[in-house]
Every structure is written in C-alpha cells, then in structure tokens.
N, C-alpha and C. Protein backbone atom coordinates (compact mmCIF):
# COMPACT_ATOMS: atom_id res chain seq x y z
N MET A 1 28.65 11.79 2.17
CA MET A 1 27.77 12.09 1.03
C MET A 1 27.11 10.80 0.52
N MET A 2 27.91 9.77 0.37
CA MET A 2 27.37 8.51 -0.14
C MET A 2 26.33 7.93 0.82
N GLN A 3 26.61 8.02 2.12
CA GLN A 3 25.67 7.48 3.10
C GLN A 3 24.36 8.27 3.11
N ASP A 4 24.45 9.59 2.90
CA ASP A 4 23.23 10.40 2.84
C ASP A 4 22.36 9.95 1.67
N MET A 5 22.98 9.68 0.53
CA MET A 5 22.24 9.23 -0.64
C MET A 5 21.56 7.89 -0.36
N MET A 6 22.28 6.98 0.27
CA MET A 6 21.72 5.67 0.61
C MET A 6 20.55 5.82 1.57
N GLY A 7 20.70 6.68 2.58
CA GLY A 7 19.64 6.89 3.56
C GLY A 7 18.38 7.41 2.88
N GLY A 8 18.55 8.37 1.95
CA GLY A 8 17.41 8.91 1.23
C GLY A 8 16.74 7.83 0.40
N GLY A 9 17.55 6.97 -0.23
CA GLY A 9 17.01 5.88 -1.04
C GLY A 9 16.21 4.91 -0.19
N MET A 10 16.73 4.61 0.99
CA MET A 10 16.03 3.71 1.91
C MET A 10 14.69 4.30 2.33
N MET A 11 14.69 5.59 2.65
CA MET A 11 13.45 6.24 3.07
C MET A 11 12.42 6.23 1.94
N TRP A 12 12.87 6.54 0.71
CA TRP A 12 11.96 6.52 -0.43
C TRP A 12 11.42 5.10 -0.65
N GLY A 13 12.31 4.12 -0.51
CA GLY A 13 11.91 2.73 -0.69
C GLY A 13 10.85 2.32 0.33
N MET A 14 11.07 2.68 1.59
CA MET A 14 10.11 2.35 2.64
C MET A 14 8.77 3.05 2.39
N GLY A 15 8.83 4.33 2.01
CA GLY A 15 7.60 5.08 1.74
C GLY A 15 6.81 4.43 0.61
N PHE A 16 7.51 4.05 -0.45
CA PHE A 16 6.87 3.41 -1.60
C PHE A 16 6.28 2.07 -1.19
N PHE A 17 7.04 1.32 -0.38
CA PHE A 17 6.61 0.01 0.11
C PHE A 17 5.31 0.14 0.90
N TRP A 18 5.26 1.13 1.83
CA TRP A 18 4.05 1.33 2.63
C TRP A 18 2.89 1.80 1.77
N LEU A 19 3.20 2.63 0.75
CA LEU A 19 2.15 3.13 -0.14
C LEU A 19 1.50 1.95 -0.87
N VAL A 20 2.31 1.02 -1.35
CA VAL A 20 1.79 -0.16 -2.05
C VAL A 20 0.94 -1.01 -1.11
N ILE A 21 1.41 -1.20 0.13
CA ILE A 21 0.65 -1.99 1.11
C ILE A 21 -0.71 -1.36 1.37
N ILE A 22 -0.73 -0.03 1.55
CA ILE A 22 -1.99 0.68 1.82
C ILE A 22 -2.94 0.54 0.64
N ILE A 23 -2.42 0.70 -0.59
CA ILE A 23 -3.27 0.57 -1.78
C ILE A 23 -3.86 -0.83 -1.88
N VAL A 24 -3.04 -1.84 -1.63
CA VAL A 24 -3.52 -3.24 -1.68
C VAL A 24 -4.61 -3.47 -0.63
N LEU A 25 -4.40 -2.95 0.58
CA LEU A 25 -5.39 -3.13 1.65
C LEU A 25 -6.70 -2.44 1.29
N VAL A 26 -6.61 -1.23 0.73
CA VAL A 26 -7.82 -0.49 0.34
C VAL A 26 -8.57 -1.25 -0.75
N LEU A 27 -7.84 -1.73 -1.76
CA LEU A 27 -8.48 -2.48 -2.85
C LEU A 27 -9.12 -3.76 -2.32
N ALA A 28 -8.45 -4.43 -1.39
CA ALA A 28 -8.99 -5.66 -0.81
C ALA A 28 -10.27 -5.34 -0.04
N ALA A 29 -10.27 -4.23 0.70
CA ALA A 29 -11.45 -3.84 1.48
C ALA A 29 -12.62 -3.53 0.55
N ILE A 30 -12.35 -2.83 -0.55
CA ILE A 30 -13.40 -2.50 -1.52
C ILE A 30 -13.96 -3.77 -2.16
N ALA A 31 -13.07 -4.68 -2.54
CA ALA A 31 -13.50 -5.93 -3.16
C ALA A 31 -14.34 -6.74 -2.18
N LEU A 32 -13.92 -6.77 -0.92
CA LEU A 32 -14.65 -7.51 0.11
C LEU A 32 -16.03 -6.89 0.32
N ALA A 33 -16.10 -5.57 0.37
CA ALA A 33 -17.38 -4.87 0.56
C ALA A 33 -18.32 -5.17 -0.61
N LYS A 34 -17.80 -5.10 -1.83
CA LYS A 34 -18.62 -5.39 -3.01
C LYS A 34 -19.14 -6.83 -2.96
N TYR A 35 -18.27 -7.76 -2.56
CA TYR A 35 -18.64 -9.17 -2.47
C TYR A 35 -19.76 -9.37 -1.45
N ILE A 36 -19.62 -8.74 -0.27
CA ILE A 36 -20.63 -8.87 0.79
C ILE A 36 -21.95 -8.26 0.34
N PHE A 37 -21.90 -7.06 -0.26
CA PHE A 37 -23.14 -6.40 -0.69
C PHE A 37 -23.82 -7.17 -1.81
N SER A 38 -23.05 -7.77 -2.71
CA SER A 38 -23.65 -8.51 -3.83
C SER A 38 -24.29 -9.80 -3.32
N ARG A 39 -23.77 -10.37 -2.23
CA ARG A 39 -24.36 -11.60 -1.68
C ARG A 39 -25.64 -11.32 -0.92
N ARG A 40 -25.78 -10.10 -0.42
CA ARG A 40 -26.96 -9.76 0.39
C ARG A 40 -28.25 -9.80 -0.43
N ARG A 41 -28.17 -9.39 -1.69
CA ARG A 41 -29.39 -9.32 -2.50
C ARG A 41 -29.95 -10.69 -2.84
C-alpha cells in the first residue's frame, strides 16, 4: 500500500515537472517570436 502511494506521487511529480517544462518552453518561444517580429519593423 505504501509503495503504491509513493509510485502515484512520483508519477504526479513527473507529470507536473514536464508540464512546467512545456509551459516554460512555450513562453520562451512566444517571447522569442515577439522579439524577432519587433526587430523586423
């Protein structure tokens, strides 16, 4: 029972970790795109 709880916690932790990484990458891509487009004008 205890190991099942730990396994679930690990999975949730990994999912949250990947979610944060994806959000950071998306925000970085948007910031980069805005920077490039603003320099073009």
